[in-house]
Amino acid sequence: MIPLIDVALILLIIFMVMTPFLVQSQIKVDLPQSAQGPQASSESSVKVEITAGGQVYVEGRRTTMARLEDELILRLAKSSKKTVLVEADKSVPVQEVIRVFDAAKKLGAGKLGIGVVSKN
């Protein structure tokens, strides 16, 4: 009985060691490359900017988070693709960006995006 237990434990150890290698080799993920894509035209997307101080700008016009939905209603009605692009300072809490996304989705935005500043 003891040799059978030894064989079972050795097989268990072999499977425990080999499993991470097998799983890792089968999962292929194509990570996005950091290339500059085509610029979105101003008529196809609504640009929302959040500064480090917490000011919110919709298409360059200053507003507040409370009035953000009203501004988005006006802009999304004129937008052909109903795309919202959020550009936030890196010190802005993620919760503020999520609030903008929630408001845009609630108003029927088709696509949401995050704009970043590329350093050349």
C-alpha atoms as a PDB file:
ATOM      1  CA  MET A   1       0.000   0.000   0.000  1.00  0.00           C
ATOM      2  CA  ILE A   2       2.850   2.418   0.791  1.00  0.00           C
ATOM      3  CA  PRO A   3       4.456   2.142  -2.704  1.00  0.00           C
ATOM      4  CA  LEU A   4       1.078   3.049  -4.242  1.00  0.00           C
ATOM      5  CA  ILE A   5       0.853   6.159  -2.055  1.00  0.00           C
ATOM      6  CA  ASP A   6       4.411   7.128  -3.046  1.00  0.00           C
ATOM      7  CA  VAL A   7       3.576   6.813  -6.750  1.00  0.00           C
ATOM      8  CA  ALA A   8       0.396   8.849  -6.285  1.00  0.00           C
ATOM      9  CA  LEU A   9       2.291  11.639  -4.469  1.00  0.00           C
ATOM     10  CA  ILE A  10       5.021  11.714  -7.132  1.00  0.00           C
ATOM     11  CA  LEU A  11       2.376  11.999  -9.876  1.00  0.00           C
ATOM     12  CA  LEU A  12       0.662  14.771  -7.925  1.00  0.00           C
ATOM     13  CA  ILE A  13       3.937  16.673  -7.626  1.00  0.00           C
ATOM     14  CA  ILE A  14       4.643  16.246 -11.341  1.00  0.00           C
ATOM     15  CA  PHE A  15       1.185  17.609 -12.235  1.00  0.00           C
ATOM     16  CA  MET A  16       1.569  20.517  -9.825  1.00  0.00           C
ATOM     17  CA  VAL A  17       4.891  21.484 -11.374  1.00  0.00           C
ATOM     18  CA  MET A  18       3.837  21.041 -15.007  1.00  0.00           C
ATOM     19  CA  THR A  19       0.392  22.689 -14.890  1.00  0.00           C
ATOM     20  CA  PRO A  20       1.610  26.336 -14.807  1.00  0.00           C
ATOM     21  CA  PHE A  21       3.811  25.725 -17.850  1.00  0.00           C
ATOM     22  CA  LEU A  22       1.000  24.102 -19.814  1.00  0.00           C
ATOM     23  CA  VAL A  23      -1.530  26.823 -19.000  1.00  0.00           C
ATOM     24  CA  GLN A  24       0.921  29.640 -19.682  1.00  0.00           C
ATOM     25  CA  SER A  25       1.895  28.275 -23.081  1.00  0.00           C
ATOM     26  CA  GLN A  26      -1.733  27.960 -24.221  1.00  0.00           C
ATOM     27  CA  ILE A  27      -2.960  31.455 -23.336  1.00  0.00           C
ATOM     28  CA  LYS A  28      -2.023  33.909 -26.082  1.00  0.00           C
ATOM     29  CA  VAL A  29      -2.826  37.573 -25.520  1.00  0.00           C
ATOM     30  CA  ASP A  30      -2.154  40.275 -28.096  1.00  0.00           C
ATOM     31  CA  LEU A  31      -1.364  43.362 -26.090  1.00  0.00           C
ATOM     32  CA  PRO A  32      -2.041  46.740 -27.704  1.00  0.00           C
ATOM     33  CA  GLN A  33       0.930  48.557 -29.165  1.00  0.00           C
ATOM     34  CA  SER A  34       1.620  52.158 -28.287  1.00  0.00           C
ATOM     35  CA  ALA A  35       1.123  53.608 -31.742  1.00  0.00           C
ATOM     36  CA  GLN A  36      -0.683  56.793 -32.552  1.00  0.00           C
ATOM     37  CA  GLY A  37      -3.972  56.007 -34.242  1.00  0.00           C
ATOM     38  CA  PRO A  38      -6.033  58.190 -36.543  1.00  0.00           C
ATOM     39  CA  GLN A  39      -7.352  61.377 -35.021  1.00  0.00           C
ATOM     40  CA  ALA A  40     -11.081  61.458 -34.358  1.00  0.00           C
ATOM     41  CA  SER A  41     -12.866  64.280 -36.100  1.00  0.00           C
ATOM     42  CA  SER A  42     -14.479  66.868 -33.877  1.00  0.00           C
ATOM     43  CA  GLU A  43     -17.919  66.300 -35.373  1.00  0.00           C
ATOM     44  CA  SER A  44     -17.902  62.580 -34.668  1.00  0.00           C
ATOM     45  CA  SER A  45     -16.980  62.646 -30.968  1.00  0.00           C
ATOM     46  CA  VAL A  46     -17.767  64.692 -27.887  1.00  0.00           C
ATOM     47  CA  LYS A  47     -14.639  65.667 -25.965  1.00  0.00           C
ATOM     48  CA  VAL A  48     -14.843  65.895 -22.159  1.00  0.00           C
ATOM     49  CA  GLU A  49     -11.778  67.212 -20.313  1.00  0.00           C
ATOM     50  CA  ILE A  50     -11.186  66.965 -16.556  1.00  0.00           C
ATOM     51  CA  THR A  51      -8.350  69.079 -15.181  1.00  0.00           C
ATOM     52  CA  ALA A  52      -6.215  68.431 -12.105  1.00  0.00           C
ATOM     53  CA  GLY A  53      -8.241  71.019 -10.212  1.00  0.00           C
ATOM     54  CA  GLY A  54     -11.481  69.162 -10.905  1.00  0.00           C
ATOM     55  CA  GLN A  55     -12.879  71.531 -13.550  1.00  0.00           C
ATOM     56  CA  VAL A  56     -14.899  69.820 -16.270  1.00  0.00           C
ATOM     57  CA  TYR A  57     -14.941  71.064 -19.859  1.00  0.00           C
ATOM     58  CA  VAL A  58     -17.265  69.742 -22.571  1.00  0.00           C
ATOM     59  CA  GLU A  59     -16.007  70.716 -26.031  1.00  0.00           C
ATOM     60  CA  GLY A  60     -13.961  73.507 -24.434  1.00  0.00           C
ATOM     61  CA  ARG A  61     -16.898  74.954 -22.496  1.00  0.00           C
ATOM     62  CA  ARG A  62     -16.574  74.883 -18.709  1.00  0.00           C
ATOM     63  CA  THR A  63     -19.310  73.106 -16.767  1.00  0.00           C
ATOM     64  CA  THR A  64     -19.783  71.230 -13.502  1.00  0.00           C
ATOM     65  CA  MET A  65     -20.363  67.550 -12.818  1.00  0.00           C
ATOM     66  CA  ALA A  66     -23.944  68.411 -11.870  1.00  0.00           C
ATOM     67  CA  ARG A  67     -24.596  69.992 -15.295  1.00  0.00           C
ATOM     68  CA  LEU A  68     -22.560  67.446 -17.245  1.00  0.00           C
ATOM     69  CA  GLU A  69     -25.605  65.438 -18.348  1.00  0.00           C
ATOM     70  CA  ASP A  70     -27.299  68.559 -19.721  1.00  0.00           C
ATOM     71  CA  GLU A  71     -24.215  69.428 -21.771  1.00  0.00           C
ATOM     72  CA  LEU A  72     -23.857  65.856 -23.027  1.00  0.00           C
ATOM     73  CA  ILE A  73     -27.513  65.776 -24.110  1.00  0.00           C
ATOM     74  CA  LEU A  74     -26.918  68.817 -26.310  1.00  0.00           C
ATOM     75  CA  ARG A  75     -23.636  67.544 -27.757  1.00  0.00           C
ATOM     76  CA  LEU A  76     -24.704  63.913 -28.321  1.00  0.00           C
ATOM     77  CA  ALA A  77     -27.770  65.070 -30.224  1.00  0.00           C
ATOM     78  CA  LYS A  78     -25.464  66.835 -32.725  1.00  0.00           C
ATOM     79  CA  SER A  79     -22.862  64.037 -32.871  1.00  0.00           C
ATOM     80  CA  SER A  80     -23.220  61.561 -35.724  1.00  0.00           C
ATOM     81  CA  LYS A  81     -21.440  58.587 -34.095  1.00  0.00           C
ATOM     82  CA  LYS A  82     -22.359  59.321 -30.458  1.00  0.00           C
ATOM     83  CA  THR A  83     -18.789  58.828 -29.235  1.00  0.00           C
ATOM     84  CA  VAL A  84     -17.535  60.356 -25.977  1.00  0.00           C
ATOM     85  CA  LEU A  85     -13.796  60.898 -25.468  1.00  0.00           C
ATOM     86  CA  VAL A  86     -12.649  61.657 -21.911  1.00  0.00           C
ATOM     87  CA  GLU A  87      -9.284  63.348 -21.342  1.00  0.00           C
ATOM     88  CA  ALA A  88      -8.380  63.524 -17.661  1.00  0.00           C
ATOM     89  CA  ASP A  89      -5.267  64.659 -15.854  1.00  0.00           C
ATOM     90  CA  LYS A  90      -3.300  61.793 -14.319  1.00  0.00           C
ATOM     91  CA  SER A  91      -4.007  63.109 -10.811  1.00  0.00           C
ATOM     92  CA  VAL A  92      -7.797  62.975 -11.320  1.00  0.00           C
ATOM     93  CA  PRO A  93      -9.390  60.092  -9.390  1.00  0.00           C
ATOM     94  CA  VAL A  94     -10.681  57.276 -11.583  1.00  0.00           C
ATOM     95  CA  GLN A  95     -14.107  57.688  -9.981  1.00  0.00           C
ATOM     96  CA  GLU A  96     -14.534  61.039 -11.771  1.00  0.00           C
ATOM     97  CA  VAL A  97     -13.843  59.443 -15.159  1.00  0.00           C
ATOM     98  CA  ILE A  98     -16.299  56.645 -14.336  1.00  0.00           C
ATOM     99  CA  ARG A  99     -18.956  59.247 -13.473  1.00  0.00           C
ATOM    100  CA  VAL A 100     -18.535  60.775 -16.940  1.00  0.00           C
ATOM    101  CA  PHE A 101     -18.736  57.314 -18.539  1.00  0.00           C
ATOM    102  CA  ASP A 102     -21.892  56.493 -16.569  1.00  0.00           C
ATOM    103  CA  ALA A 103     -23.550  59.743 -17.604  1.00  0.00           C
ATOM    104  CA  ALA A 104     -22.628  59.197 -21.260  1.00  0.00           C
ATOM    105  CA  LYS A 105     -23.893  55.605 -21.316  1.00  0.00           C
ATOM    106  CA  LYS A 106     -27.117  56.672 -19.626  1.00  0.00           C
ATOM    107  CA  LEU A 107     -27.655  59.218 -22.398  1.00  0.00           C
ATOM    108  CA  GLY A 108     -27.096  56.674 -25.170  1.00  0.00           C
ATOM    109  CA  ALA A 109     -23.444  57.110 -26.129  1.00  0.00           C
ATOM    110  CA  GLY A 110     -22.410  54.339 -28.486  1.00  0.00           C
ATOM    111  CA  LYS A 111     -18.672  54.346 -27.795  1.00  0.00           C
ATOM    112  CA  LEU A 112     -16.556  55.589 -24.913  1.00  0.00           C
ATOM    113  CA  GLY A 113     -12.849  56.345 -25.021  1.00  0.00           C
ATOM    114  CA  ILE A 114     -10.031  57.682 -22.916  1.00  0.00           C
ATOM    115  CA  GLY A 115      -7.685  60.216 -24.450  1.00  0.00           C
ATOM    116  CA  VAL A 116      -4.043  60.328 -23.471  1.00  0.00           C
ATOM    117  CA  VAL A 117      -1.272  62.753 -24.201  1.00  0.00           C
ATOM    118  CA  SER A 118       1.579  61.153 -26.089  1.00  0.00           C
ATOM    119  CA  LYS A 119       5.066  62.357 -25.295  1.00  0.00           C
ATOM    120  CA  ASN A 120       7.251  62.668 -28.375  1.00  0.00           C
END
